[in-house]
C-alpha atoms as a PDB file:
ATOM      1  CA  MET A   1       2.399  -7.276  12.460  1.00  0.00           C
ATOM      2  CA  ALA A   2       2.082  -8.116  16.144  1.00  0.00           C
ATOM      3  CA  ALA A   3       3.829  -4.750  16.608  1.00  0.00           C
ATOM      4  CA  VAL A   4       1.261  -2.865  14.428  1.00  0.00           C
ATOM      5  CA  GLU A   5      -1.593  -4.662  16.307  1.00  0.00           C
ATOM      6  CA  LYS A   6      -0.157  -3.841  19.807  1.00  0.00           C
ATOM      7  CA  LYS A   7       0.073   0.043  18.673  1.00  0.00           C
ATOM      8  CA  LEU A   8      -3.686  -0.188  17.342  1.00  0.00           C
ATOM      9  CA  ASP A   9      -4.926  -1.650  20.570  1.00  0.00           C
ATOM     10  CA  GLU A  10      -2.899   0.791  22.925  1.00  0.00           C
ATOM     11  CA  MET A  11      -4.383   3.790  20.528  1.00  0.00           C
ATOM     12  CA  GLU A  12      -7.734   2.158  20.557  1.00  0.00           C
ATOM     13  CA  ILE A  13      -8.143   2.413  16.985  1.00  0.00           C
ATOM     14  CA  GLU A  14     -10.171  -0.491  15.428  1.00  0.00           C
ATOM     15  CA  TYR A  15      -9.096  -2.356  12.802  1.00  0.00           C
ATOM     16  CA  VAL A  16      -9.582  -5.962  10.703  1.00  0.00           C
ATOM     17  CA  ARG A  17      -6.692  -8.336  10.546  1.00  0.00           C
ATOM     18  CA  GLU A  18      -7.063 -10.925   7.668  1.00  0.00           C
ATOM     19  CA  ILE A  19      -4.479 -13.891   6.551  1.00  0.00           C
ATOM     20  CA  VAL A  20      -5.111 -14.911   2.938  1.00  0.00           C
ATOM     21  CA  GLU A  21      -3.444 -17.995   1.496  1.00  0.00           C
ATOM     22  CA  GLY A  22      -2.987 -19.517  -1.724  1.00  0.00           C
ATOM     23  CA  ARG A  23      -1.040 -20.710  -4.378  1.00  0.00           C
ATOM     24  CA  GLY A  24       2.042 -21.174  -1.648  1.00  0.00           C
ATOM     25  CA  ILE A  25       1.679 -17.789  -0.806  1.00  0.00           C
ATOM     26  CA  LYS A  26       0.829 -16.204   2.695  1.00  0.00           C
ATOM     27  CA  VAL A  27      -0.343 -12.733   3.094  1.00  0.00           C
ATOM     28  CA  ASP A  28      -1.035 -10.975   6.634  1.00  0.00           C
ATOM     29  CA  GLN A  29      -3.026  -7.528   6.469  1.00  0.00           C
ATOM     30  CA  ILE A  30      -4.403  -4.912   8.915  1.00  0.00           C
ATOM     31  CA  PHE A  31      -6.896  -2.487   7.859  1.00  0.00           C
ATOM     32  CA  PHE A  32      -7.875   0.552   9.918  1.00  0.00           C
ATOM     33  CA  HIS A  33      -9.113   4.370   9.150  1.00  0.00           C
ATOM     34  CA  ASP A  34      -6.836   6.945   9.801  1.00  0.00           C
ATOM     35  CA  PRO A  35      -7.891  10.427  11.598  1.00  0.00           C
ATOM     36  CA  ASP A  36      -9.314  11.528   8.095  1.00  0.00           C
ATOM     37  CA  GLY A  37     -11.467   8.498   7.453  1.00  0.00           C
ATOM     38  CA  PHE A  38      -8.943   7.080   4.679  1.00  0.00           C
ATOM     39  CA  MET A  39      -8.513   3.242   4.750  1.00  0.00           C
ATOM     40  CA  ILE A  40      -4.970   2.314   5.417  1.00  0.00           C
ATOM     41  CA  GLU A  41      -3.748  -1.372   4.700  1.00  0.00           C
ATOM     42  CA  ILE A  42      -0.684  -2.696   6.462  1.00  0.00           C
ATOM     43  CA  CYS A  43       0.564  -5.971   5.071  1.00  0.00           C
ATOM     44  CA  ASN A  44       3.854  -8.135   4.458  1.00  0.00           C
ATOM     45  CA  CYS A  45       3.547  -7.539   0.692  1.00  0.00           C
ATOM     46  CA  ASP A  46       7.297  -8.568   0.513  1.00  0.00           C
ATOM     47  CA  SER A  47       6.019 -11.955   0.223  1.00  0.00           C
ATOM     48  CA  LEU A  48       3.868 -11.318  -2.806  1.00  0.00           C
ATOM     49  CA  PRO A  49       5.488 -12.040  -6.275  1.00  0.00           C
ATOM     50  CA  VAL A  50       6.578  -8.781  -8.332  1.00  0.00           C
ATOM     51  CA  VAL A  51       4.987  -8.419 -11.945  1.00  0.00           C
ATOM     52  CA  PRO A  52       7.129  -6.495 -14.221  1.00  0.00           C
ATOM     53  CA  LEU A  53       5.073  -3.648 -16.247  1.00  0.00           C
ATOM     54  CA  LEU A  54       5.245  -4.205 -19.791  1.00  0.00           C
ATOM     55  CA  GLY A  55       5.870  -1.931 -22.817  1.00  0.00           C
ATOM     56  CA  GLY A  56       5.727   2.009 -22.615  1.00  0.00           C
ATOM     57  CA  LEU A  57       4.027   1.908 -19.253  1.00  0.00           C
ATOM     58  CA  ALA A  58       7.238   0.646 -17.771  1.00  0.00           C
ATOM     59  CA  GLN A  59       8.980   3.338 -19.442  1.00  0.00           C
ATOM     60  CA  TYR A  60       6.514   6.034 -18.354  1.00  0.00           C
ATOM     61  CA  CYS A  61       6.459   5.002 -14.650  1.00  0.00           C
ATOM     62  CA  ALA A  62      10.441   5.112 -14.496  1.00  0.00           C
ATOM     63  CA  LYS A  63      10.529   8.836 -15.602  1.00  0.00           C
ATOM     64  CA  VAL A  64       7.959   9.986 -13.080  1.00  0.00           C
ATOM     65  CA  LYS A  65       9.225  11.873 -10.074  1.00  0.00           C
ATOM     66  CA  LEU A  66       7.349  11.309  -7.150  1.00  0.00           C
ATOM     67  CA  HIS A  67       8.001  14.380  -5.447  1.00  0.00           C
ATOM     68  CA  GLN A  68       6.160  16.201  -8.089  1.00  0.00           C
ATOM     69  CA  MET A  69       3.175  14.030  -8.501  1.00  0.00           C
ATOM     70  CA  GLY A  70       0.767  16.278  -6.343  1.00  0.00           C
ATOM     71  CA  GLN A  71       2.147  19.262  -8.121  1.00  0.00           C
ATOM     72  CA  PRO A  72      -0.136  21.130 -10.880  1.00  0.00           C
ATOM     73  CA  GLN A  73       1.592  20.541 -13.990  1.00  0.00           C
ATOM     74  CA  PRO A  74       2.287  22.976 -16.313  1.00  0.00           C
ATOM     75  CA  GLN A  75       0.074  23.268 -19.558  1.00  0.00           C
ATOM     76  CA  THR A  76       0.950  23.112 -23.176  1.00  0.00           C
ATOM     77  CA  ASN A  77      -0.934  23.938 -26.216  1.00  0.00           C
END
């Protein structure tokens, strides 16, 4: 996180850094806007516990091809 802060400071990009602690978990986050105005979050999310998806949603997500998500899908009638 220090390296991200240093780079944002060098690039003169405004950001907010927040550390959230609770239930034995500590999450360090940095928020800033990209040149198009979208908010970006950088965090040490590897410290967050992963909650598995349940039921059919997990099966569906496993089949999604990420490189096709932005592509128009063919219509079936």
